[in-house]
């Protein structure tokens, strides 16, 4: 065995002793062993040059660089760079760069970059970039970028980008982008984009976008879009759209749309639409539409339409008319400005408000309160309904009822009639009393031949009225006679009288 020229004399003596022992043993002729060298060249092609501290070991290994402590170990290994401590270990491994501490370990591994501390560990792993501390760990892993601290860990993992701290962990994972902090964790996970902080966690998870902080968590989850903060959580979820804050939570949930804040929560929930704020919450719920504020809450709930604000709350509820609302399991409002409230309630025309079904009853306890009565003004009306339950307000007069005004008018008329009846009753009483007075006056006194004056008193009655009278007769001459009388009705008929004259031949 041979050693370098700088080895001490004791090493030469040991070598000679071993050779003598081998010869004495009578064995076959010894084959030449490979020579590891410091600052020199070996007979098998290893080269260490530039600095006495450089070390090369292996066929065609090379360690070069001034003022360095570079080390190359392995067939075709290369460690080079001035003022460096680069180390290459493995066949055809390469660690290079001035003023660096790059390390390449593994067959075909490469660690390179000026003023760097890049580390490549694994067959064909590669870590490169100036002024960087990139780390590639795993066969075929790649971590690269200037002024970066990217990390790629796993078979064929990739983390690259300038001025970045991207991290890719997992087989074939990818975290890349300049000026970024992207993170990909999982088999074939991908998180990339410039000036981003995207995060993908899970097998085949995908978080992509420039200037974004998208997050995808779960197998086959997807969150992408430039200048976005989209979040997808769950198996096969999708939250995407540029300039958006879409959120999809739940297996196979979908929330997408540019410049939107759509949210889908639940298995197969769907909230989508550009320039929208749609919300779908519940398994297979759907809230969709461009420029909309639709809300669907409940399993299978559906609220959709462009440029509207529809609301469906309840399992299987449906609100698709413009600005319509459906509240209750199976409630449906498919016409503009319609509202359906209650289990199975269905609106059948625009601007309609439907409450419940034919099997429901309705109670409004506040209707009888004093406050409700005080809130009314003007003439009141009756609420009517047809057989289908359609409500309307109708005046009392339309139904043949008298309104308060009508009653007041009738009362006024009745008062006039009563006054007239009272007057007529008074006149009738006087007339009846007058008949009794006439009967009382009908008896007139008569004069006997020898009488000059005579008087008489009479009583008359008619329909329960009574009258008294007093009459007198006076002989004025042989052929002339005067008479007169007074009568009084005892039932309020008043006082009456008469005067008469008789002439005879």
Protein backbone atom coordinates (compact mmCIF):
# COMPACT_ATOMS: atom_id res chain seq x y z
CA UNK A 1 0.00 0.00 0.00
CA UNK A 2 1.33 3.51 -0.81
CA UNK A 3 0.56 6.81 0.88
CA UNK A 4 1.07 10.46 0.02
CA UNK A 5 4.49 12.16 0.09
CA UNK A 6 3.57 13.99 3.28
CA UNK A 7 3.12 10.80 5.31
CA UNK A 8 5.54 10.27 8.19
CA UNK A 9 8.46 7.83 8.06
CA UNK A 10 6.69 5.42 10.36
CA UNK A 11 4.05 4.95 7.68
CA UNK A 12 6.78 3.98 5.14
CA UNK A 13 8.19 1.48 7.58
CA UNK A 14 4.78 -0.06 8.17
CA UNK A 15 4.20 -0.38 4.45
CA UNK A 16 7.53 -2.10 3.87
CA UNK A 17 6.85 -4.52 6.73
CA UNK A 18 3.47 -5.46 5.30
CA UNK A 19 5.03 -6.06 1.88
CA UNK A 20 7.68 -8.38 3.36
CA UNK A 21 5.08 -10.36 5.28
CA UNK A 22 2.97 -10.73 2.16
CA UNK A 23 5.95 -11.98 0.16
CA UNK A 24 6.92 -14.47 2.83
CA UNK A 25 3.41 -15.82 2.90
CA UNK A 26 3.88 -17.02 -0.67
CA UNK A 27 0.48 -15.64 -1.83
CA UNK A 28 -0.30 -14.34 -5.34
CA UNK A 29 1.15 -11.07 -6.52
CA UNK A 30 -0.64 -8.10 -4.79
CA UNK A 31 -2.76 -5.71 -6.94
CA UNK A 32 -2.25 -1.94 -6.61
CA UNK A 33 -4.68 -0.28 -4.20
CA UNK A 34 -6.33 3.12 -4.83
CA UNK A 35 -4.45 6.09 -3.47
CA UNK A 36 -6.30 8.88 -1.49
CA UNK A 37 -4.32 12.10 -1.83
CA UNK A 38 -4.12 15.51 -0.16
CA UNK A 39 -2.84 18.28 -2.39
CA UNK A 40 -1.34 15.86 -4.94
CA UNK A 41 -2.18 13.36 -7.66
CA UNK A 42 -2.45 9.61 -7.26
CA UNK A 43 -1.43 6.99 -9.75
CA UNK A 44 -5.12 6.02 -10.28
CA UNK A 45 -6.13 9.55 -11.33
CA UNK A 46 -7.33 11.14 -8.09
CA UNK A 47 -6.34 14.80 -7.95
CA UNK A 48 -6.18 17.20 -5.04
CA UNK A 49 -4.92 20.62 -6.07
CA UNK A 50 -4.79 24.25 -5.08
CA UNK A 51 -4.63 23.83 -1.35
CA UNK A 52 -2.79 21.29 0.77
CA UNK A 53 -6.04 20.78 2.70
CA UNK A 54 -8.04 19.56 -0.29
CA UNK A 55 -8.77 15.82 -0.27
CA UNK A 56 -9.59 13.48 -3.17
CA UNK A 57 -10.31 9.77 -2.87
CA UNK A 58 -11.47 7.56 -5.71
CA UNK A 59 -10.76 6.99 -9.38
CA UNK A 60 -10.82 10.31 -11.22
CA UNK A 61 -11.86 12.07 -8.01
CA UNK A 62 -10.93 15.74 -7.93
CA UNK A 63 -10.62 18.27 -5.13
CA UNK A 64 -9.48 21.71 -6.15
CA UNK A 65 -9.46 25.27 -4.89
CA UNK A 66 -7.16 27.80 -3.31
CA UNK A 67 -7.39 28.33 0.42
CA UNK A 68 -9.91 25.54 0.68
CA UNK A 69 -10.73 22.33 2.52
CA UNK A 70 -12.63 20.69 -0.29
CA UNK A 71 -13.21 16.93 -0.18
CA UNK A 72 -14.11 14.59 -3.05
CA UNK A 73 -14.75 10.93 -2.27
CA UNK A 74 -15.90 8.47 -4.88
CA UNK A 75 -15.30 7.60 -8.49
CA UNK A 76 -15.44 10.80 -10.53
CA UNK A 77 -16.36 12.84 -7.45
CA UNK A 78 -15.61 16.57 -7.69
CA UNK A 79 -15.22 19.16 -4.96
CA UNK A 80 -14.02 22.58 -6.07
CA UNK A 81 -14.00 26.24 -5.14
CA UNK A 82 -11.69 28.83 -3.65
CA UNK A 83 -11.88 29.58 0.07
CA UNK A 84 -14.41 26.81 0.46
CA UNK A 85 -15.13 23.63 2.37
CA UNK A 86 -17.18 21.86 -0.24
CA UNK A 87 -17.69 18.11 0.09
CA UNK A 88 -18.66 15.61 -2.61
CA UNK A 89 -19.24 12.02 -1.53
CA UNK A 90 -20.36 9.41 -4.04
CA UNK A 91 -19.66 8.40 -7.58
CA UNK A 92 -19.75 11.46 -9.81
CA UNK A 93 -20.90 13.60 -6.91
CA UNK A 94 -20.18 17.31 -7.38
CA UNK A 95 -19.81 20.04 -4.75
CA UNK A 96 -18.61 23.37 -6.08
CA UNK A 97 -18.57 27.09 -5.44
CA UNK A 98 -16.28 29.77 -4.13
CA UNK A 99 -16.55 30.84 -0.50
CA UNK A 100 -18.96 28.02 0.09
CA UNK A 101 -19.76 25.03 2.30
CA UNK A 102 -21.70 23.03 -0.25
CA UNK A 103 -22.22 19.30 0.36
CA UNK A 104 -23.19 16.63 -2.17
CA UNK A 105 -23.74 13.09 -0.92
CA UNK A 106 -24.82 10.30 -3.24
CA UNK A 107 -24.12 9.06 -6.71
CA UNK A 108 -24.50 11.92 -9.14
CA UNK A 109 -25.47 14.34 -6.36
CA UNK A 110 -24.77 18.04 -7.07
CA UNK A 111 -24.36 20.88 -4.58
CA UNK A 112 -23.25 24.15 -6.11
CA UNK A 113 -23.31 27.89 -5.64
CA UNK A 114 -21.18 30.84 -4.68
CA UNK A 115 -21.06 31.84 -1.00
CA UNK A 116 -23.54 29.08 -0.25
CA UNK A 117 -24.24 26.20 2.10
CA UNK A 118 -26.27 24.06 -0.21
CA UNK A 119 -26.79 20.38 0.65
CA UNK A 120 -27.68 17.61 -1.79
CA UNK A 121 -28.22 14.20 -0.21
CA UNK A 122 -29.27 11.25 -2.32
CA UNK A 123 -28.50 9.79 -5.69
CA UNK A 124 -28.78 12.50 -8.34
CA UNK A 125 -30.00 14.98 -5.73
CA UNK A 126 -29.28 18.60 -6.61
CA UNK A 127 -28.98 21.71 -4.43
CA UNK A 128 -27.81 24.88 -6.14
CA UNK A 129 -27.86 28.64 -5.92
CA UNK A 130 -25.63 31.54 -4.94
CA UNK A 131 -25.82 32.94 -1.41
CA UNK A 132 -28.17 30.12 -0.51
CA UNK A 133 -28.78 27.33 1.99
CA UNK A 134 -30.84 25.08 -0.24
CA UNK A 135 -31.31 21.44 0.83
CA UNK A 136 -32.24 18.52 -1.41
CA UNK A 137 -32.71 15.23 0.43
CA UNK A 138 -33.77 12.17 -1.53
CA UNK A 139 -32.94 10.49 -4.79
CA UNK A 140 -33.47 12.96 -7.62
CA UNK A 141 -34.53 15.72 -5.21
CA UNK A 142 -33.86 19.29 -6.37
CA UNK A 143 -33.57 22.44 -4.26
CA UNK A 144 -32.35 25.48 -6.15
CA UNK A 145 -32.44 29.25 -6.19
CA UNK A 146 -30.25 32.23 -5.48
CA UNK A 147 -30.38 33.87 -2.05
CA UNK A 148 -32.74 31.14 -0.95
CA UNK A 149 -33.30 28.50 1.70
CA UNK A 150 -35.39 26.05 -0.28
CA UNK A 151 -35.91 22.49 1.00
CA UNK A 152 -36.80 19.46 -1.11
CA UNK A 153 -37.20 16.22 0.84
CA UNK A 154 -38.29 13.03 -0.84
CA UNK A 155 -37.76 11.08 -4.00
CA UNK A 156 -37.67 13.54 -6.95
CA UNK A 157 -39.00 16.32 -4.68
CA UNK A 158 -38.56 19.84 -6.11
CA UNK A 159 -38.14 23.16 -4.28
CA UNK A 160 -36.80 26.08 -6.26
CA UNK A 161 -36.98 29.84 -6.62
CA UNK A 162 -34.82 32.89 -6.03
CA UNK A 163 -35.12 34.77 -2.74
CA UNK A 164 -37.40 32.06 -1.46
CA UNK A 165 -37.98 29.62 1.38
CA UNK A 166 -39.99 27.02 -0.48
CA UNK A 167 -40.43 23.58 1.11
CA UNK A 168 -41.36 20.37 -0.74
CA UNK A 169 -41.77 17.25 1.40
CA UNK A 170 -42.83 13.97 -0.13
CA UNK A 171 -42.19 11.94 -3.22
CA UNK A 172 -42.41 14.06 -6.39
CA UNK A 173 -43.66 17.03 -4.38
CA UNK A 174 -43.12 20.51 -5.83
CA UNK A 175 -42.76 23.84 -4.06
CA UNK A 176 -41.43 26.57 -6.31
CA UNK A 177 -41.56 30.26 -7.08
CA UNK A 178 -39.45 33.36 -6.75
CA UNK A 179 -39.75 35.51 -3.62
CA UNK A 180 -41.99 32.87 -2.12
CA UNK A 181 -42.72 30.75 0.94
CA UNK A 182 -44.58 27.92 -0.73
CA UNK A 183 -45.07 24.58 1.05
CA UNK A 184 -45.89 21.24 -0.58
CA UNK A 185 -46.28 18.26 1.74
CA UNK A 186 -47.35 14.92 0.34
CA UNK A 187 -46.97 12.58 -2.61
CA UNK A 188 -47.03 14.68 -5.81
CA UNK A 189 -48.19 17.68 -3.76
CA UNK A 190 -47.68 20.99 -5.59
CA UNK A 191 -47.38 24.51 -4.21
CA UNK A 192 -45.95 27.09 -6.52
CA UNK A 193 -46.20 30.70 -7.58
CA UNK A 194 -44.08 33.84 -7.44
CA UNK A 195 -44.34 36.14 -4.42
CA UNK A 196 -46.60 33.58 -2.79
CA UNK A 197 -47.14 31.57 0.37
CA UNK A 198 -49.18 28.73 -1.06
CA UNK A 199 -49.61 25.52 0.97
CA UNK A 200 -50.49 22.08 -0.36
CA UNK A 201 -50.84 19.20 2.10
CA UNK A 202 -51.84 15.72 1.01
CA UNK A 203 -51.26 13.35 -1.86
CA UNK A 204 -51.67 15.20 -5.15
CA UNK A 205 -52.76 18.34 -3.30
CA UNK A 206 -52.40 21.47 -5.41
CA UNK A 207 -51.96 25.11 -4.28
CA UNK A 208 -50.99 27.42 -7.12
CA UNK A 209 -50.98 31.15 -7.82
CA UNK A 210 -48.79 34.20 -8.05
CA UNK A 211 -49.05 36.70 -5.22
CA UNK A 212 -51.26 34.28 -3.36
CA UNK A 213 -51.66 32.41 -0.09
CA UNK A 214 -53.80 29.56 -1.31
CA UNK A 215 -54.19 26.50 0.92
CA UNK A 216 -55.07 22.99 -0.25
CA UNK A 217 -55.41 20.29 2.42
CA UNK A 218 -56.44 16.76 1.55
CA UNK A 219 -55.92 14.13 -1.10
CA UNK A 220 -56.46 15.63 -4.59
CA UNK A 221 -57.44 18.97 -3.06
CA UNK A 222 -56.97 22.06 -5.24
CA UNK A 223 -56.62 25.74 -4.33
CA UNK A 224 -55.42 28.02 -7.08
CA UNK A 225 -55.62 31.54 -8.44
CA UNK A 226 -53.41 34.59 -8.68
CA UNK A 227 -53.60 37.22 -5.93
CA UNK A 228 -55.91 34.97 -3.96
CA UNK A 229 -56.51 33.43 -0.54
CA UNK A 230 -58.47 30.39 -1.62
CA UNK A 231 -58.80 27.46 0.81
CA UNK A 232 -59.69 23.87 -0.10
CA UNK A 233 -60.00 21.34 2.72
CA UNK A 234 -60.97 17.71 2.16
CA UNK A 235 -60.75 14.91 -0.35
CA UNK A 236 -61.11 16.16 -3.95
CA UNK A 237 -62.03 19.69 -2.85
CA UNK A 238 -61.59 22.67 -5.15
CA UNK A 239 -61.30 26.37 -4.26
CA UNK A 240 -60.12 28.49 -7.14
CA UNK A 241 -60.30 31.91 -8.74
CA UNK A 242 -58.07 34.91 -9.26
CA UNK A 243 -58.41 37.77 -6.79
CA UNK A 244 -60.62 35.62 -4.63
CA UNK A 245 -61.18 34.30 -1.10
CA UNK A 246 -63.12 31.19 -1.99
CA UNK A 247 -63.41 28.40 0.62
CA UNK A 248 -64.32 24.77 -0.03
CA UNK A 249 -64.63 22.47 2.99
CA UNK A 250 -65.76 18.87 2.78
CA UNK A 251 -65.10 15.95 0.46
CA UNK A 252 -65.61 16.98 -3.17
CA UNK A 253 -66.76 20.48 -2.16
CA UNK A 254 -66.29 23.17 -4.82
CA UNK A 255 -65.96 26.95 -4.45
CA UNK A 256 -64.73 28.94 -7.41
CA UNK A 257 -65.03 32.26 -9.20
CA UNK A 258 -62.83 35.24 -9.94
CA UNK A 259 -62.97 38.22 -7.55
CA UNK A 260 -65.26 36.28 -5.26
CA UNK A 261 -65.68 35.09 -1.68
CA UNK A 262 -67.74 31.98 -2.31
CA UNK A 263 -67.95 29.33 0.43
CA UNK A 264 -68.97 25.69 0.05
CA UNK A 265 -69.20 23.46 3.13
CA UNK A 266 -70.24 19.83 2.99
CA UNK A 267 -69.97 16.79 0.78
CA UNK A 268 -70.35 17.82 -2.88
CA UNK A 269 -71.35 21.34 -1.81
CA UNK A 270 -71.03 23.88 -4.62
CA UNK A 271 -70.62 27.66 -4.39
CA UNK A 272 -69.51 29.33 -7.57
CA UNK A 273 -69.71 32.50 -9.60
CA UNK A 274 -67.51 35.44 -10.52
CA UNK A 275 -67.81 38.65 -8.49
CA UNK A 276 -70.02 36.82 -6.01
CA UNK A 277 -70.50 36.06 -2.31
CA UNK A 278 -72.40 32.80 -2.62
CA UNK A 279 -72.65 30.39 0.35
CA UNK A 280 -73.54 26.69 0.16
CA UNK A 281 -73.68 24.78 3.44
CA UNK A 282 -74.81 21.17 3.46
CA UNK A 283 -74.26 17.96 1.55
CA UNK A 284 -74.90 18.53 -2.17
CA UNK A 285 -76.06 22.08 -1.50
CA UNK A 286 -75.71 24.59 -4.34
CA UNK A 287 -75.34 28.39 -4.33
CA UNK A 288 -74.24 29.72 -7.68
CA UNK A 289 -74.48 32.74 -9.94
CA UNK A 290 -72.41 35.61 -11.29
CA UNK A 291 -72.52 38.84 -9.28
CA UNK A 292 -74.74 37.21 -6.69
CA UNK A 293 -75.26 36.83 -2.95
CA UNK A 294 -77.08 33.50 -2.97
CA UNK A 295 -77.29 31.37 0.20
CA UNK A 296 -78.17 27.67 0.34
CA UNK A 297 -78.23 25.97 3.75
CA UNK A 298 -79.27 22.35 4.12
CA UNK A 299 -78.67 19.04 2.43
CA UNK A 300 -79.59 19.42 -1.22
CA UNK A 301 -80.57 23.08 -0.76
CA UNK A 302 -80.42 25.14 -3.95
CA UNK A 303 -80.14 28.93 -4.41
CA UNK A 304 -78.92 30.16 -7.76
CA UNK A 305 -79.24 32.99 -10.22
CA UNK A 306 -77.13 35.79 -11.67
CA UNK A 307 -77.13 39.23 -10.08
CA UNK A 308 -79.58 38.24 -7.35
CA UNK A 309 -79.71 37.44 -3.64
CA UNK A 310 -81.69 34.23 -3.31
CA UNK A 311 -81.93 32.31 -0.03
CA UNK A 312 -82.79 28.63 0.48
CA UNK A 313 -82.74 27.25 4.03
CA UNK A 314 -83.78 23.66 4.71
CA UNK A 315 -83.11 20.22 3.29
CA UNK A 316 -84.16 20.16 -0.33
CA UNK A 317 -85.26 23.80 -0.29
CA UNK A 318 -85.18 25.64 -3.62
CA UNK A 319 -84.93 29.39 -4.36
CA UNK A 320 -84.29 30.21 -8.01
CA UNK A 321 -86.54 33.18 -8.72
CA UNK A 322 -84.89 36.61 -8.70
CA UNK A 323 -84.44 37.67 -5.05
CA UNK A 324 -86.61 34.81 -3.83
CA UNK A 325 -86.52 33.00 -0.47
CA UNK A 326 -87.43 29.48 0.63
CA UNK A 327 -87.37 28.50 4.32
CA UNK A 328 -88.18 24.95 5.36
CA UNK A 329 -87.57 21.41 4.20
CA UNK A 330 -88.73 21.11 0.62
CA UNK A 331 -89.85 24.74 0.46
CA UNK A 332 -89.81 26.20 -3.06
CA UNK A 333 -89.73 29.75 -4.43
CA UNK A 334 -89.03 29.80 -8.16
CA UNK A 335 -90.64 33.13 -9.03
CA UNK A 336 -89.27 36.67 -8.72
CA UNK A 337 -89.55 38.25 -5.25
CA UNK A 338 -91.47 35.23 -3.97
CA UNK A 339 -91.12 33.73 -0.48
CA UNK A 340 -92.11 30.28 0.73
CA UNK A 341 -92.02 29.58 4.48
CA UNK A 342 -92.66 26.21 6.07
CA UNK A 343 -92.19 22.54 5.37
CA UNK A 344 -93.23 21.91 1.77
CA UNK A 345 -94.45 25.47 1.20
CA UNK A 346 -94.49 26.39 -2.51
CA UNK A 347 -94.77 29.82 -4.12
CA UNK A 348 -96.66 29.70 -7.43
CA UNK A 349 -96.35 33.26 -8.72
CA UNK A 350 -94.15 36.35 -8.58
CA UNK A 351 -94.25 38.63 -5.51
CA UNK A 352 -96.11 35.95 -3.54
CA UNK A 353 -95.66 35.13 0.14
CA UNK A 354 -96.63 31.55 0.99
CA UNK A 355 -96.85 30.16 4.53
CA UNK A 356 -97.08 26.41 4.95
CA UNK A 357 -99.48 24.04 3.23
CA UNK A 358 -103.18 23.19 3.38
CA UNK A 359 -102.59 21.02 6.44
CA UNK A 360 -101.22 23.90 8.52
CA UNK A 361 -103.06 26.19 10.94
CA UNK A 362 -102.10 29.80 11.64
CA UNK A 363 -101.89 31.70 14.91
CA UNK A 364 -101.05 35.39 15.34
CA UNK A 365 -101.51 36.20 19.00
CA UNK A 366 -100.56 39.84 18.59
CA UNK A 367 -103.59 40.55 16.39
CA UNK A 368 -105.81 40.97 19.47
CA UNK A 369 -103.45 43.29 21.34
CA UNK A 370 -104.23 46.91 22.12
CA UNK A 371 -100.99 47.91 20.44
CA UNK A 372 -102.14 46.35 17.17
CA UNK A 373 -105.44 48.21 17.36
CA UNK A 374 -103.65 51.47 18.13
CA UNK A 375 -101.43 50.99 15.09
CA UNK A 376 -104.43 51.06 12.76
CA UNK A 377 -105.63 54.27 11.16
CA UNK A 378 -108.47 55.20 8.88
CA UNK A 379 -111.34 52.89 7.91
CA UNK A 380 -110.68 49.26 8.82
CA UNK A 381 -111.28 46.35 6.46
CA UNK A 382 -111.85 42.62 6.65
CA UNK A 383 -109.29 39.96 5.62
CA UNK A 384 -110.85 37.44 3.24
CA UNK A 385 -109.68 34.16 1.72
CA UNK A 386 -110.65 31.91 -1.16
CA UNK A 387 -110.58 28.12 -1.23
CA UNK A 388 -106.88 28.17 -2.19
CA UNK A 389 -105.97 30.29 0.81
CA UNK A 390 -105.27 33.50 -1.13
CA UNK A 391 -105.68 36.42 1.26
CA UNK A 392 -107.03 39.88 0.49
CA UNK A 393 -108.41 42.93 2.28
CA UNK A 394 -112.01 43.92 1.51
CA UNK A 395 -114.12 46.87 2.67
CA UNK A 396 -117.17 46.20 4.82
CA UNK A 397 -119.48 47.79 2.29
CA UNK A 398 -118.24 45.43 -0.45
CA UNK A 399 -119.48 42.55 1.69
CA UNK A 400 -122.80 44.29 2.50
CA UNK A 401 -121.73 45.41 5.96
CA UNK A 402 -122.22 48.97 7.18
CA UNK A 403 -119.08 50.88 7.95
CA UNK A 404 -118.85 53.15 10.99
CA UNK A 405 -119.49 56.10 8.70
CA UNK A 406 -122.52 54.36 7.27
CA UNK A 407 -123.85 53.63 10.76
CA UNK A 408 -123.32 57.22 11.82
CA UNK A 409 -125.25 58.42 8.76
CA UNK A 410 -128.05 55.95 9.44
CA UNK A 411 -128.25 57.04 13.07
CA UNK A 412 -128.51 60.66 11.96
CA UNK A 413 -131.32 59.80 9.59
CA UNK A 414 -133.08 57.75 12.25
CA UNK A 415 -132.86 60.68 14.63
CA UNK A 416 -134.63 62.85 12.06
CA UNK A 417 -137.27 60.22 11.46
CA UNK A 418 -137.79 59.78 15.19
CA UNK A 419 -138.22 63.54 15.56
CA UNK A 420 -140.82 63.52 12.85
CA UNK A 421 -142.55 60.52 14.33
CA UNK A 422 -142.60 62.21 17.71
CA UNK A 423 -144.10 65.32 16.11
CA UNK A 424 -146.62 63.24 14.22
CA UNK A 425 -147.47 61.36 17.40
CA UNK A 426 -148.04 64.64 19.17
CA UNK A 427 -150.22 65.90 16.36
CA UNK A 428 -152.15 62.64 16.27
CA UNK A 429 -152.75 62.85 20.04
CA UNK A 430 -154.02 66.40 19.64
CA UNK A 431 -156.29 65.35 16.78
CA UNK A 432 -157.80 62.53 18.82
CA UNK A 433 -158.17 64.86 21.80
CA UNK A 434 -159.80 67.40 19.47
CA UNK A 435 -162.39 64.80 18.44
CA UNK A 436 -163.26 64.26 22.10
CA UNK A 437 -163.49 68.06 22.56
CA UNK A 438 -165.74 68.29 19.50
CA UNK A 439 -167.99 65.63 20.91
CA UNK A 440 -168.15 67.58 24.21
CA UNK A 441 -169.07 70.82 22.41
CA UNK A 442 -171.71 69.21 20.22
CA UNK A 443 -174.42 69.70 22.87
CA UNK A 444 -175.67 73.33 22.77
CA UNK A 445 -178.26 74.62 25.31
CA UNK A 446 -181.67 75.73 24.03
CA UNK A 447 -184.03 78.42 25.43
CA UNK A 448 -187.55 77.79 26.53
CA UNK A 449 -190.13 80.47 25.48
CA UNK A 450 -190.03 82.05 28.85
CA UNK A 451 -186.17 81.84 29.26
CA UNK A 452 -183.73 84.63 28.48
CA UNK A 453 -180.52 82.65 29.19
CA UNK A 454 -179.56 78.98 29.56
CA UNK A 455 -176.31 77.08 30.33
CA UNK A 456 -175.16 73.44 29.90
CA UNK A 457 -172.16 71.23 30.63
CA UNK A 458 -171.08 68.26 28.44
CA UNK A 459 -168.50 65.46 28.43
CA UNK A 460 -166.99 63.88 25.33
CA UNK A 461 -164.71 60.86 24.80
CA UNK A 462 -162.83 59.32 21.81
CA UNK A 463 -160.14 56.57 21.75
CA UNK A 464 -159.38 56.81 25.44
CA UNK A 465 -159.29 60.63 25.43
CA UNK A 466 -161.75 62.85 27.34
CA UNK A 467 -162.99 66.44 27.12
CA UNK A 468 -165.30 68.72 29.15
CA UNK A 469 -167.30 71.68 27.83
CA UNK A 470 -169.52 74.49 29.10
CA UNK A 471 -172.01 76.20 26.81
CA UNK A 472 -174.47 79.13 27.19
CA UNK A 473 -177.39 80.54 25.17
CA UNK A 474 -178.77 84.16 25.34
CA UNK A 475 -182.01 85.59 23.93
CA UNK A 476 -181.02 88.89 22.43
CA UNK A 477 -184.47 89.75 21.00
CA UNK A 478 -187.60 88.05 19.91
CA UNK A 479 -186.01 86.76 16.74
CA UNK A 480 -182.26 86.72 17.65
CA UNK A 481 -180.40 84.23 19.87
CA UNK A 482 -176.62 84.08 20.68
CA UNK A 483 -174.70 81.08 22.00
CA UNK A 484 -171.10 80.13 22.90
CA UNK A 485 -169.05 77.53 24.72
CA UNK A 486 -165.66 76.51 26.03
CA UNK A 487 -164.10 73.00 26.04
CA UNK A 488 -160.95 71.46 27.48
CA UNK A 489 -159.25 68.19 26.50
CA UNK A 490 -158.12 66.35 29.59
CA UNK A 491 -155.37 64.44 27.63
CA UNK A 492 -153.39 67.55 26.69
CA UNK A 493 -155.68 68.70 23.93
CA UNK A 494 -155.73 72.30 25.21
CA UNK A 495 -158.63 74.74 25.44
CA UNK A 496 -161.18 75.29 22.69
CA UNK A 497 -164.29 77.39 22.21
CA UNK A 498 -167.06 78.51 19.88
CA UNK A 499 -169.48 81.46 19.45
CA UNK A 500 -172.68 81.43 17.41
CA UNK A 501 -175.88 83.37 16.62
CA UNK A 502 -179.31 82.23 15.55
CA UNK A 503 -181.89 84.45 13.75
CA UNK A 504 -185.47 83.22 13.14
CA UNK A 505 -188.79 84.54 11.61
